[in-house]
Amino acid sequence: CRRGVPMMQRVSRDTGLHVVASTGFYLDFTWPQWVRDHSEKQLAELMIRELREGMTGVDAKAGIIKIAGGDPYDSADYAKTFRAAVSAANKTGVAITTHSCHLSRKHFEFLVDAGADPSRLYLGHADFDSLDDLTSITKRGAHMIFTCWGIEQMVNPDLSNLPPFLAEDPGLNSGFMMAQTTAAALVSENKTL
């Protein structure tokens, strides 16, 4: 598994922290061809399997769905992965977290129109969105995650002279999704205390 699950397991074991791994799909430039080739139903079934039975190649189940993408209204591939995430979330009851950046409102609207429960949505990297958009989304029950202070230096090699995410092959290999997924899981746990 290329999502850093063994590292998450070590962190959990060594610190006693409850670490939640995600299933889902990051930005399209990180996808293998099969993500584009598979149907929405096949992608949903994969996520459901990783949530219920375990993730391929590791002894661990995912505990949340994470999706990233551009505008799902303008991309059939992103629309497919977003709808698959909603299907998997509705069948399993788990939350969805996103990598939204400046697209929180569009991601929220698309997910809700596809049948997602707004109270189970955690829109990530909301630091880039307008206060009006954030207010509208939270009034409808969704949660916002603010994680991007200084992110530009991590992803723009022109500013830092470093490779994006400090990884030769960013995306699933970077392990960076763990921080946002863990934050979403902690928020979700705290609301039930």
N, C-alpha and C. Protein backbone atom coordinates (compact mmCIF):
# COMPACT_ATOMS: atom_id res chain seq x y z
N CYS A 1 0.85 -1.18 0.00
CA CYS A 1 0.00 0.00 0.00
C CYS A 1 0.89 1.24 0.00
N ARG A 2 0.56 2.21 -0.80
CA ARG A 2 1.42 3.38 -0.94
C ARG A 2 0.84 4.60 -0.22
N ARG A 3 0.05 4.40 0.81
CA ARG A 3 -0.56 5.52 1.52
C ARG A 3 0.08 5.78 2.87
N GLY A 4 1.17 5.14 3.14
CA GLY A 4 1.83 5.37 4.41
C GLY A 4 1.17 4.67 5.58
N VAL A 5 0.39 3.62 5.33
CA VAL A 5 -0.32 2.94 6.41
C VAL A 5 0.64 2.32 7.42
N PRO A 6 1.72 1.64 7.00
CA PRO A 6 2.64 1.11 8.02
C PRO A 6 3.18 2.21 8.94
N MET A 7 3.44 3.40 8.38
CA MET A 7 3.89 4.51 9.22
C MET A 7 2.79 4.92 10.21
N MET A 8 1.54 4.99 9.71
CA MET A 8 0.44 5.35 10.60
C MET A 8 0.28 4.32 11.71
N GLN A 9 0.46 3.04 11.38
CA GLN A 9 0.35 2.00 12.39
C GLN A 9 1.45 2.14 13.44
N ARG A 10 2.67 2.46 13.01
CA ARG A 10 3.78 2.67 13.96
C ARG A 10 3.49 3.86 14.87
N VAL A 11 3.04 4.97 14.27
CA VAL A 11 2.71 6.16 15.08
C VAL A 11 1.65 5.82 16.12
N SER A 12 0.64 5.11 15.71
CA SER A 12 -0.43 4.74 16.63
C SER A 12 0.10 3.83 17.74
N ARG A 13 0.85 2.83 17.35
CA ARG A 13 1.40 1.89 18.33
C ARG A 13 2.36 2.59 19.30
N ASP A 14 3.23 3.45 18.78
CA ASP A 14 4.25 4.09 19.60
C ASP A 14 3.71 5.20 20.48
N THR A 15 2.62 5.85 20.07
CA THR A 15 2.13 7.00 20.83
C THR A 15 0.81 6.76 21.54
N GLY A 16 0.09 5.72 21.12
CA GLY A 16 -1.24 5.48 21.68
C GLY A 16 -2.33 6.32 21.03
N LEU A 17 -1.96 7.11 20.01
CA LEU A 17 -2.95 7.92 19.30
C LEU A 17 -3.78 7.04 18.38
N HIS A 18 -5.02 7.38 18.24
CA HIS A 18 -5.92 6.70 17.30
C HIS A 18 -5.73 7.37 15.94
N VAL A 19 -5.11 6.68 15.00
CA VAL A 19 -4.83 7.23 13.67
C VAL A 19 -5.79 6.58 12.68
N VAL A 20 -6.41 7.39 11.86
CA VAL A 20 -7.41 6.90 10.92
C VAL A 20 -6.87 7.03 9.50
N ALA A 21 -6.80 5.90 8.81
CA ALA A 21 -6.37 5.90 7.41
C ALA A 21 -7.59 6.14 6.52
N SER A 22 -7.33 6.63 5.32
CA SER A 22 -8.43 6.93 4.41
C SER A 22 -8.41 6.02 3.19
N THR A 23 -9.59 5.87 2.62
CA THR A 23 -9.74 5.32 1.29
C THR A 23 -10.19 6.48 0.41
N GLY A 24 -10.10 6.35 -0.87
CA GLY A 24 -10.54 7.42 -1.75
C GLY A 24 -9.50 7.73 -2.80
N PHE A 25 -9.63 8.90 -3.39
CA PHE A 25 -8.79 9.26 -4.53
C PHE A 25 -8.30 10.69 -4.42
N TYR A 26 -7.01 10.86 -4.63
CA TYR A 26 -6.37 12.16 -4.57
C TYR A 26 -6.51 12.83 -5.94
N LEU A 27 -5.72 13.82 -6.21
CA LEU A 27 -5.79 14.56 -7.48
C LEU A 27 -5.50 13.65 -8.67
N ASP A 28 -6.13 13.93 -9.80
CA ASP A 28 -6.09 13.02 -10.94
C ASP A 28 -4.69 12.75 -11.48
N PHE A 29 -3.73 13.63 -11.28
CA PHE A 29 -2.39 13.36 -11.79
C PHE A 29 -1.71 12.23 -11.02
N THR A 30 -2.26 11.82 -9.89
CA THR A 30 -1.69 10.72 -9.11
C THR A 30 -2.38 9.39 -9.39
N TRP A 31 -3.47 9.40 -10.16
CA TRP A 31 -4.26 8.18 -10.37
C TRP A 31 -3.58 7.22 -11.33
N PRO A 32 -3.62 5.94 -11.01
CA PRO A 32 -3.27 4.96 -12.04
C PRO A 32 -4.40 4.92 -13.08
N GLN A 33 -4.14 4.39 -14.23
CA GLN A 33 -5.12 4.38 -15.32
C GLN A 33 -6.42 3.69 -14.92
N TRP A 34 -6.34 2.68 -14.06
CA TRP A 34 -7.56 1.94 -13.72
C TRP A 34 -8.61 2.81 -13.05
N VAL A 35 -8.22 3.90 -12.38
CA VAL A 35 -9.23 4.78 -11.77
C VAL A 35 -10.08 5.41 -12.87
N ARG A 36 -9.46 5.83 -13.94
CA ARG A 36 -10.21 6.39 -15.07
C ARG A 36 -11.06 5.33 -15.78
N ASP A 37 -10.53 4.09 -15.83
CA ASP A 37 -11.19 3.02 -16.56
C ASP A 37 -12.35 2.39 -15.78
N HIS A 38 -12.28 2.40 -14.47
CA HIS A 38 -13.32 1.76 -13.65
C HIS A 38 -14.60 2.60 -13.65
N SER A 39 -15.70 1.93 -13.46
CA SER A 39 -16.99 2.62 -13.35
C SER A 39 -17.13 3.22 -11.94
N GLU A 40 -18.10 4.09 -11.82
CA GLU A 40 -18.43 4.66 -10.51
C GLU A 40 -18.74 3.55 -9.51
N LYS A 41 -19.51 2.56 -9.92
CA LYS A 41 -19.87 1.45 -9.05
C LYS A 41 -18.64 0.67 -8.60
N GLN A 42 -17.71 0.41 -9.52
CA GLN A 42 -16.48 -0.31 -9.17
C GLN A 42 -15.64 0.48 -8.16
N LEU A 43 -15.56 1.80 -8.35
CA LEU A 43 -14.78 2.63 -7.42
C LEU A 43 -15.44 2.64 -6.04
N ALA A 44 -16.77 2.73 -6.02
CA ALA A 44 -17.49 2.70 -4.73
C ALA A 44 -17.27 1.36 -4.04
N GLU A 45 -17.34 0.27 -4.79
CA GLU A 45 -17.13 -1.06 -4.20
C GLU A 45 -15.73 -1.20 -3.62
N LEU A 46 -14.73 -0.63 -4.29
CA LEU A 46 -13.36 -0.65 -3.76
C LEU A 46 -13.30 0.08 -2.42
N MET A 47 -13.89 1.27 -2.35
CA MET A 47 -13.86 2.02 -1.09
C MET A 47 -14.60 1.27 0.00
N ILE A 48 -15.74 0.70 -0.32
CA ILE A 48 -16.51 -0.06 0.67
C ILE A 48 -15.68 -1.24 1.18
N ARG A 49 -15.03 -1.94 0.29
CA ARG A 49 -14.18 -3.06 0.68
C ARG A 49 -13.05 -2.60 1.60
N GLU A 50 -12.42 -1.46 1.28
CA GLU A 50 -11.33 -0.98 2.13
C GLU A 50 -11.84 -0.52 3.50
N LEU A 51 -13.07 -0.07 3.56
CA LEU A 51 -13.66 0.33 4.85
C LEU A 51 -14.12 -0.87 5.69
N ARG A 52 -14.65 -1.87 5.05
CA ARG A 52 -15.22 -3.01 5.77
C ARG A 52 -14.26 -4.18 5.97
N GLU A 53 -13.44 -4.44 4.95
CA GLU A 53 -12.60 -5.64 4.99
C GLU A 53 -11.12 -5.34 5.20
N GLY A 54 -10.65 -4.24 4.67
CA GLY A 54 -9.24 -3.89 4.81
C GLY A 54 -8.67 -3.38 3.50
N MET A 55 -7.59 -2.65 3.64
CA MET A 55 -6.93 -2.05 2.47
C MET A 55 -5.94 -3.03 1.87
N THR A 56 -5.79 -2.97 0.57
CA THR A 56 -4.91 -3.86 -0.16
C THR A 56 -3.48 -3.74 0.35
N GLY A 57 -2.89 -4.87 0.69
CA GLY A 57 -1.48 -4.90 1.04
C GLY A 57 -1.14 -4.60 2.48
N VAL A 58 -2.11 -4.27 3.32
CA VAL A 58 -1.83 -3.98 4.73
C VAL A 58 -2.92 -4.58 5.60
N ASP A 59 -2.60 -4.77 6.86
CA ASP A 59 -3.56 -5.30 7.81
C ASP A 59 -4.23 -4.13 8.53
N ALA A 60 -5.07 -3.41 7.81
CA ALA A 60 -5.76 -2.25 8.39
C ALA A 60 -6.96 -1.90 7.52
N LYS A 61 -7.99 -1.39 8.16
CA LYS A 61 -9.17 -0.89 7.46
C LYS A 61 -9.10 0.63 7.40
N ALA A 62 -9.65 1.18 6.34
CA ALA A 62 -9.81 2.64 6.27
C ALA A 62 -10.96 3.02 7.20
N GLY A 63 -10.94 4.26 7.67
CA GLY A 63 -11.97 4.73 8.58
C GLY A 63 -12.68 5.98 8.10
N ILE A 64 -12.28 6.50 6.97
CA ILE A 64 -12.87 7.71 6.42
C ILE A 64 -12.60 7.71 4.91
N ILE A 65 -13.42 8.43 4.16
CA ILE A 65 -13.22 8.56 2.73
C ILE A 65 -12.63 9.94 2.45
N LYS A 66 -11.56 9.98 1.69
CA LYS A 66 -10.94 11.25 1.31
C LYS A 66 -10.94 11.37 -0.20
N ILE A 67 -11.45 12.48 -0.68
CA ILE A 67 -11.42 12.74 -2.12
C ILE A 67 -10.82 14.11 -2.36
N ALA A 68 -10.15 14.21 -3.48
CA ALA A 68 -9.55 15.48 -3.87
C ALA A 68 -9.89 15.70 -5.33
N GLY A 69 -9.89 16.92 -5.73
CA GLY A 69 -10.12 17.13 -7.14
C GLY A 69 -10.37 18.56 -7.51
N GLY A 70 -10.45 18.75 -8.80
CA GLY A 70 -10.85 20.02 -9.35
C GLY A 70 -12.36 20.15 -9.27
N ASP A 71 -12.92 20.86 -10.17
CA ASP A 71 -14.36 21.11 -10.18
C ASP A 71 -15.08 19.89 -10.74
N PRO A 72 -15.86 19.19 -9.92
CA PRO A 72 -16.55 18.00 -10.42
C PRO A 72 -17.64 18.33 -11.43
N TYR A 73 -18.05 19.59 -11.52
CA TYR A 73 -19.01 19.98 -12.54
C TYR A 73 -18.36 20.11 -13.91
N ASP A 74 -17.03 20.24 -13.94
CA ASP A 74 -16.29 20.40 -15.20
C ASP A 74 -15.47 19.18 -15.59
N SER A 75 -15.44 18.15 -14.76
CA SER A 75 -14.61 16.98 -15.03
C SER A 75 -15.42 15.71 -14.78
N ALA A 76 -15.61 14.93 -15.81
CA ALA A 76 -16.35 13.67 -15.67
C ALA A 76 -15.63 12.72 -14.74
N ASP A 77 -14.29 12.71 -14.77
CA ASP A 77 -13.54 11.82 -13.89
C ASP A 77 -13.70 12.22 -12.43
N TYR A 78 -13.57 13.50 -12.12
CA TYR A 78 -13.76 13.93 -10.74
C TYR A 78 -15.21 13.69 -10.31
N ALA A 79 -16.17 13.96 -11.19
CA ALA A 79 -17.57 13.71 -10.85
C ALA A 79 -17.78 12.24 -10.50
N LYS A 80 -17.15 11.36 -11.24
CA LYS A 80 -17.28 9.92 -10.99
C LYS A 80 -16.71 9.55 -9.63
N THR A 81 -15.52 10.05 -9.29
CA THR A 81 -14.93 9.69 -8.00
C THR A 81 -15.73 10.30 -6.85
N PHE A 82 -16.27 11.50 -7.02
CA PHE A 82 -17.07 12.12 -5.98
C PHE A 82 -18.37 11.34 -5.75
N ARG A 83 -19.05 10.96 -6.83
CA ARG A 83 -20.28 10.17 -6.69
C ARG A 83 -19.99 8.80 -6.08
N ALA A 84 -18.89 8.20 -6.46
CA ALA A 84 -18.50 6.91 -5.87
C ALA A 84 -18.27 7.06 -4.37
N ALA A 85 -17.64 8.16 -3.97
CA ALA A 85 -17.41 8.41 -2.54
C ALA A 85 -18.73 8.56 -1.80
N VAL A 86 -19.69 9.26 -2.38
CA VAL A 86 -21.01 9.43 -1.75
C VAL A 86 -21.69 8.07 -1.62
N SER A 87 -21.63 7.27 -2.65
CA SER A 87 -22.23 5.94 -2.60
C SER A 87 -21.61 5.11 -1.48
N ALA A 88 -20.30 5.10 -1.40
CA ALA A 88 -19.61 4.33 -0.35
C ALA A 88 -19.94 4.87 1.04
N ALA A 89 -19.97 6.19 1.17
CA ALA A 89 -20.29 6.79 2.47
C ALA A 89 -21.71 6.45 2.90
N ASN A 90 -22.64 6.51 1.97
CA ASN A 90 -24.03 6.22 2.31
C ASN A 90 -24.23 4.75 2.67
N LYS A 91 -23.44 3.86 2.09
CA LYS A 91 -23.57 2.43 2.39
C LYS A 91 -22.85 2.03 3.67
N THR A 92 -21.86 2.81 4.09
CA THR A 92 -21.07 2.44 5.27
C THR A 92 -21.29 3.35 6.47
N GLY A 93 -21.80 4.55 6.24
CA GLY A 93 -22.00 5.50 7.33
C GLY A 93 -20.78 6.32 7.71
N VAL A 94 -19.68 6.17 6.96
CA VAL A 94 -18.48 6.93 7.30
C VAL A 94 -18.55 8.34 6.70
N ALA A 95 -17.73 9.21 7.22
CA ALA A 95 -17.66 10.59 6.76
C ALA A 95 -16.78 10.70 5.51
N ILE A 96 -16.98 11.80 4.80
CA ILE A 96 -16.14 12.15 3.64
C ILE A 96 -15.37 13.41 3.99
N THR A 97 -14.08 13.39 3.74
CA THR A 97 -13.28 14.60 3.84
C THR A 97 -12.75 14.91 2.45
N THR A 98 -12.53 16.18 2.18
CA THR A 98 -12.12 16.59 0.84
C THR A 98 -10.80 17.35 0.86
N HIS A 99 -10.24 17.46 -0.28
CA HIS A 99 -9.09 18.33 -0.56
C HIS A 99 -9.65 19.40 -1.49
N SER A 100 -10.27 20.43 -0.89
CA SER A 100 -11.07 21.36 -1.68
C SER A 100 -10.36 22.64 -2.07
N CYS A 101 -9.51 23.15 -1.19
CA CYS A 101 -8.86 24.44 -1.44
C CYS A 101 -9.92 25.49 -1.78
N HIS A 102 -9.83 26.14 -2.90
CA HIS A 102 -10.75 27.22 -3.26
C HIS A 102 -12.07 26.71 -3.83
N LEU A 103 -12.30 25.40 -3.79
CA LEU A 103 -13.51 24.82 -4.38
C LEU A 103 -14.48 24.26 -3.35
N SER A 104 -14.40 24.68 -2.10
CA SER A 104 -15.25 24.10 -1.06
C SER A 104 -16.73 24.17 -1.41
N ARG A 105 -17.19 25.32 -1.88
CA ARG A 105 -18.62 25.45 -2.19
C ARG A 105 -19.05 24.50 -3.32
N LYS A 106 -18.25 24.43 -4.38
CA LYS A 106 -18.59 23.53 -5.48
C LYS A 106 -18.53 22.07 -5.04
N HIS A 107 -17.50 21.71 -4.26
CA HIS A 107 -17.42 20.34 -3.76
C HIS A 107 -18.62 20.03 -2.87
N PHE A 108 -18.94 20.93 -1.96
CA PHE A 108 -20.08 20.74 -1.07
C PHE A 108 -21.37 20.55 -1.87
N GLU A 109 -21.64 21.46 -2.78
CA GLU A 109 -22.88 21.39 -3.57
C GLU A 109 -22.95 20.10 -4.36
N PHE A 110 -21.85 19.71 -5.00
CA PHE A 110 -21.86 18.50 -5.79
C PHE A 110 -22.12 17.28 -4.91
N LEU A 111 -21.43 17.19 -3.78
CA LEU A 111 -21.59 16.04 -2.90
C LEU A 111 -23.01 15.95 -2.34
N VAL A 112 -23.56 17.08 -1.92
CA VAL A 112 -24.93 17.08 -1.39
C VAL A 112 -25.93 16.73 -2.50
N ASP A 113 -25.75 17.30 -3.68
CA ASP A 113 -26.63 16.96 -4.82
C ASP A 113 -26.55 15.47 -5.16
N ALA A 114 -25.39 14.85 -4.91
CA ALA A 114 -25.22 13.42 -5.17
C ALA A 114 -25.77 12.55 -4.05
N GLY A 115 -26.24 13.19 -2.96
CA GLY A 115 -26.87 12.43 -1.88
C GLY A 115 -26.11 12.36 -0.58
N ALA A 116 -25.01 13.10 -0.44
CA ALA A 116 -24.24 13.07 0.81
C ALA A 116 -24.98 13.80 1.92
N ASP A 117 -24.80 13.32 3.13
CA ASP A 117 -25.32 13.98 4.32
C ASP A 117 -24.37 15.12 4.68
N PRO A 118 -24.83 16.37 4.66
CA PRO A 118 -23.92 17.49 4.94
C PRO A 118 -23.20 17.36 6.29
N SER A 119 -23.84 16.77 7.27
CA SER A 119 -23.21 16.66 8.59
C SER A 119 -22.07 15.66 8.61
N ARG A 120 -21.90 14.89 7.54
CA ARG A 120 -20.82 13.91 7.42
C ARG A 120 -19.76 14.37 6.43
N LEU A 121 -19.77 15.68 6.10
CA LEU A 121 -18.78 16.25 5.16
C LEU A 121 -17.81 17.14 5.91
N TYR A 122 -16.51 16.94 5.65
CA TYR A 122 -15.44 17.74 6.23
C TYR A 122 -14.63 18.29 5.06
N LEU A 123 -14.85 19.56 4.75
CA LEU A 123 -14.22 20.17 3.57
C LEU A 123 -12.86 20.73 3.96
N GLY A 124 -11.83 20.12 3.38
CA GLY A 124 -10.46 20.44 3.77
C GLY A 124 -9.84 21.56 2.98
N HIS A 125 -8.85 22.16 3.61
CA HIS A 125 -8.09 23.26 3.02
C HIS A 125 -9.02 24.42 2.70
N ALA A 126 -9.93 24.70 3.60
CA ALA A 126 -10.93 25.75 3.40
C ALA A 126 -10.35 27.15 3.55
N ASP A 127 -9.08 27.23 3.85
CA ASP A 127 -8.41 28.52 4.05
C ASP A 127 -8.52 29.44 2.84
N PHE A 128 -8.75 28.89 1.67
CA PHE A 128 -8.75 29.65 0.43
C PHE A 128 -10.13 30.17 0.03
N ASP A 129 -11.17 29.77 0.75
CA ASP A 129 -12.53 30.11 0.36
C ASP A 129 -13.00 31.41 1.02
N SER A 130 -14.01 32.02 0.42
CA SER A 130 -14.54 33.27 0.96
C SER A 130 -15.35 33.01 2.23
N LEU A 131 -15.44 34.00 3.06
CA LEU A 131 -16.22 33.89 4.29
C LEU A 131 -17.68 33.61 3.96
N ASP A 132 -18.21 34.22 2.91
CA ASP A 132 -19.60 33.95 2.51
C ASP A 132 -19.80 32.48 2.17
N ASP A 133 -18.87 31.89 1.41
CA ASP A 133 -18.99 30.48 1.08
C ASP A 133 -18.89 29.61 2.33
N LEU A 134 -17.92 29.91 3.19
CA LEU A 134 -17.74 29.11 4.41
C LEU A 134 -18.97 29.19 5.30
N THR A 135 -19.54 30.37 5.43
CA THR A 135 -20.73 30.56 6.25
C THR A 135 -21.90 29.78 5.68
N SER A 136 -22.10 29.87 4.39
CA SER A 136 -23.20 29.16 3.74
C SER A 136 -23.07 27.65 3.94
N ILE A 137 -21.87 27.13 3.78
CA ILE A 137 -21.64 25.69 3.91
C ILE A 137 -21.87 25.23 5.34
N THR A 138 -21.32 25.94 6.30
CA THR A 138 -21.47 25.51 7.69
C THR A 138 -22.91 25.66 8.19
N LYS A 139 -23.62 26.65 7.69
CA LYS A 139 -25.03 26.78 8.08
C LYS A 139 -25.85 25.60 7.60
N ARG A 140 -25.37 24.93 6.57
CA ARG A 140 -26.08 23.75 6.05
C ARG A 140 -25.59 22.46 6.69
N GLY A 141 -24.69 22.57 7.65
CA GLY A 141 -24.32 21.41 8.46
C GLY A 141 -22.96 20.80 8.23
N ALA A 142 -22.23 21.26 7.24
CA ALA A 142 -20.92 20.67 6.97
C ALA A 142 -19.86 21.28 7.89
N HIS A 143 -18.71 20.67 7.88
CA HIS A 143 -17.58 21.08 8.72
C HIS A 143 -16.44 21.55 7.82
N MET A 144 -15.69 22.54 8.28
CA MET A 144 -14.58 23.08 7.52
C MET A 144 -13.28 22.73 8.23
N ILE A 145 -12.23 22.43 7.47
CA ILE A 145 -10.92 22.14 8.02
C ILE A 145 -9.94 23.15 7.44
N PHE A 146 -9.21 23.83 8.33
CA PHE A 146 -8.24 24.85 7.92
C PHE A 146 -6.84 24.30 8.17
N THR A 147 -6.11 24.06 7.10
CA THR A 147 -4.82 23.39 7.23
C THR A 147 -3.72 23.97 6.35
N CYS A 148 -3.96 25.05 5.67
CA CYS A 148 -3.04 25.47 4.61
C CYS A 148 -2.12 26.63 4.94
N TRP A 149 -1.94 26.95 6.18
CA TRP A 149 -1.03 28.06 6.47
C TRP A 149 0.36 27.65 6.02
N GLY A 150 0.87 28.32 5.01
CA GLY A 150 2.21 28.02 4.51
C GLY A 150 2.28 26.87 3.52
N ILE A 151 1.16 26.35 3.08
CA ILE A 151 1.17 25.20 2.17
C ILE A 151 1.85 25.53 0.84
N GLU A 152 1.78 26.76 0.42
CA GLU A 152 2.35 27.13 -0.88
C GLU A 152 3.83 26.75 -0.96
N GLN A 153 4.54 26.87 0.16
CA GLN A 153 5.95 26.51 0.16
C GLN A 153 6.15 25.01 0.00
N MET A 154 5.16 24.22 0.43
CA MET A 154 5.29 22.77 0.31
C MET A 154 5.02 22.27 -1.11
N VAL A 155 4.21 22.99 -1.86
CA VAL A 155 3.82 22.48 -3.17
C VAL A 155 4.42 23.24 -4.34
N ASN A 156 5.04 24.37 -4.08
CA ASN A 156 5.58 25.19 -5.17
C ASN A 156 7.10 25.20 -5.09
N PRO A 157 7.76 24.39 -5.92
CA PRO A 157 9.22 24.34 -5.86
C PRO A 157 9.90 25.66 -6.22
N ASP A 158 9.19 26.56 -6.91
CA ASP A 158 9.78 27.86 -7.24
C ASP A 158 9.97 28.72 -5.99
N LEU A 159 9.17 28.46 -4.96
CA LEU A 159 9.31 29.23 -3.71
C LEU A 159 10.30 28.60 -2.75
N SER A 160 10.41 27.28 -2.77
CA SER A 160 11.22 26.61 -1.75
C SER A 160 12.45 25.91 -2.29
N ASN A 161 12.53 25.73 -3.60
CA ASN A 161 13.61 24.94 -4.22
C ASN A 161 13.62 23.50 -3.74
N LEU A 162 12.47 23.02 -3.29
CA LEU A 162 12.31 21.64 -2.84
C LEU A 162 11.24 20.97 -3.69
N PRO A 163 11.28 19.63 -3.80
CA PRO A 163 10.23 18.96 -4.56
C PRO A 163 8.89 19.08 -3.82
N PRO A 164 7.78 19.10 -4.56
CA PRO A 164 6.47 19.19 -3.91
C PRO A 164 6.29 18.11 -2.86
N PHE A 165 5.81 18.48 -1.69
CA PHE A 165 5.55 17.59 -0.56
C PHE A 165 6.81 16.85 -0.10
N LEU A 166 7.97 17.34 -0.49
CA LEU A 166 9.24 16.70 -0.15
C LEU A 166 9.30 15.26 -0.61
N ALA A 167 8.66 14.95 -1.72
CA ALA A 167 8.62 13.59 -2.25
C ALA A 167 8.92 13.62 -3.74
N GLU A 168 9.73 12.67 -4.19
CA GLU A 168 10.03 12.60 -5.62
C GLU A 168 8.78 12.28 -6.43
N ASP A 169 7.88 11.50 -5.84
CA ASP A 169 6.64 11.11 -6.51
C ASP A 169 5.48 11.50 -5.60
N PRO A 170 5.03 12.77 -5.62
CA PRO A 170 3.98 13.20 -4.70
C PRO A 170 2.65 12.53 -5.00
N GLY A 171 1.70 12.77 -4.17
CA GLY A 171 0.40 12.12 -4.30
C GLY A 171 0.25 11.11 -3.19
N LEU A 172 -0.13 9.90 -3.54
CA LEU A 172 -0.33 8.88 -2.52
C LEU A 172 0.95 8.55 -1.78
N ASN A 173 2.11 8.73 -2.42
CA ASN A 173 3.37 8.40 -1.77
C ASN A 173 3.78 9.40 -0.70
N SER A 174 3.23 10.59 -0.73
CA SER A 174 3.73 11.64 0.15
C SER A 174 3.37 11.43 1.60
N GLY A 175 2.30 10.72 1.90
CA GLY A 175 1.86 10.57 3.28
C GLY A 175 1.21 11.81 3.83
N PHE A 176 1.14 12.89 3.02
CA PHE A 176 0.62 14.16 3.53
C PHE A 176 -0.87 14.12 3.81
N MET A 177 -1.59 13.21 3.17
CA MET A 177 -3.03 13.12 3.40
C MET A 177 -3.33 12.71 4.84
N MET A 178 -2.36 12.05 5.50
CA MET A 178 -2.59 11.57 6.86
C MET A 178 -2.96 12.70 7.81
N ALA A 179 -2.30 13.83 7.72
CA ALA A 179 -2.56 14.92 8.66
C ALA A 179 -3.99 15.43 8.55
N GLN A 180 -4.48 15.63 7.35
CA GLN A 180 -5.84 16.13 7.20
C GLN A 180 -6.85 15.06 7.59
N THR A 181 -6.61 13.83 7.22
CA THR A 181 -7.53 12.75 7.55
C THR A 181 -7.62 12.58 9.07
N THR A 182 -6.48 12.66 9.74
CA THR A 182 -6.47 12.55 11.20
C THR A 182 -7.23 13.72 11.82
N ALA A 183 -7.05 14.92 11.29
CA ALA A 183 -7.77 16.07 11.82
C ALA A 183 -9.28 15.89 11.67
N ALA A 184 -9.72 15.40 10.52
CA ALA A 184 -11.14 15.18 10.31
C ALA A 184 -11.69 14.12 11.26
N ALA A 185 -10.92 13.07 11.48
CA ALA A 185 -11.35 12.02 12.39
C ALA A 185 -11.47 12.54 13.82
N LEU A 186 -10.52 13.37 14.24
CA LEU A 186 -10.57 13.92 15.60
C LEU A 186 -11.76 14.84 15.77
N VAL A 187 -12.03 15.64 14.76
CA VAL A 187 -13.21 16.52 14.83
C VAL A 187 -14.46 15.67 14.96
N SER A 188 -14.53 14.61 14.17
CA SER A 188 -15.71 13.74 14.19
C SER A 188 -15.87 13.07 15.55
N GLU A 189 -14.76 12.59 16.12
CA GLU A 189 -14.83 11.96 17.45
C GLU A 189 -15.26 12.95 18.52
N ASN A 190 -14.74 14.17 18.47
CA ASN A 190 -15.03 15.15 19.50
C ASN A 190 -16.48 15.58 19.52
N LYS A 191 -17.15 15.55 18.39
CA LYS A 191 -18.53 16.01 18.38
C LYS A 191 -19.47 15.04 19.10
N THR A 192 -18.99 13.81 19.39
CA THR A 192 -19.81 12.84 20.10
C THR A 192 -19.49 12.77 21.58
N LEU A 193 -18.51 13.49 22.04
CA LEU A 193 -18.12 13.45 23.47
C LEU A 193 -19.12 14.18 24.34
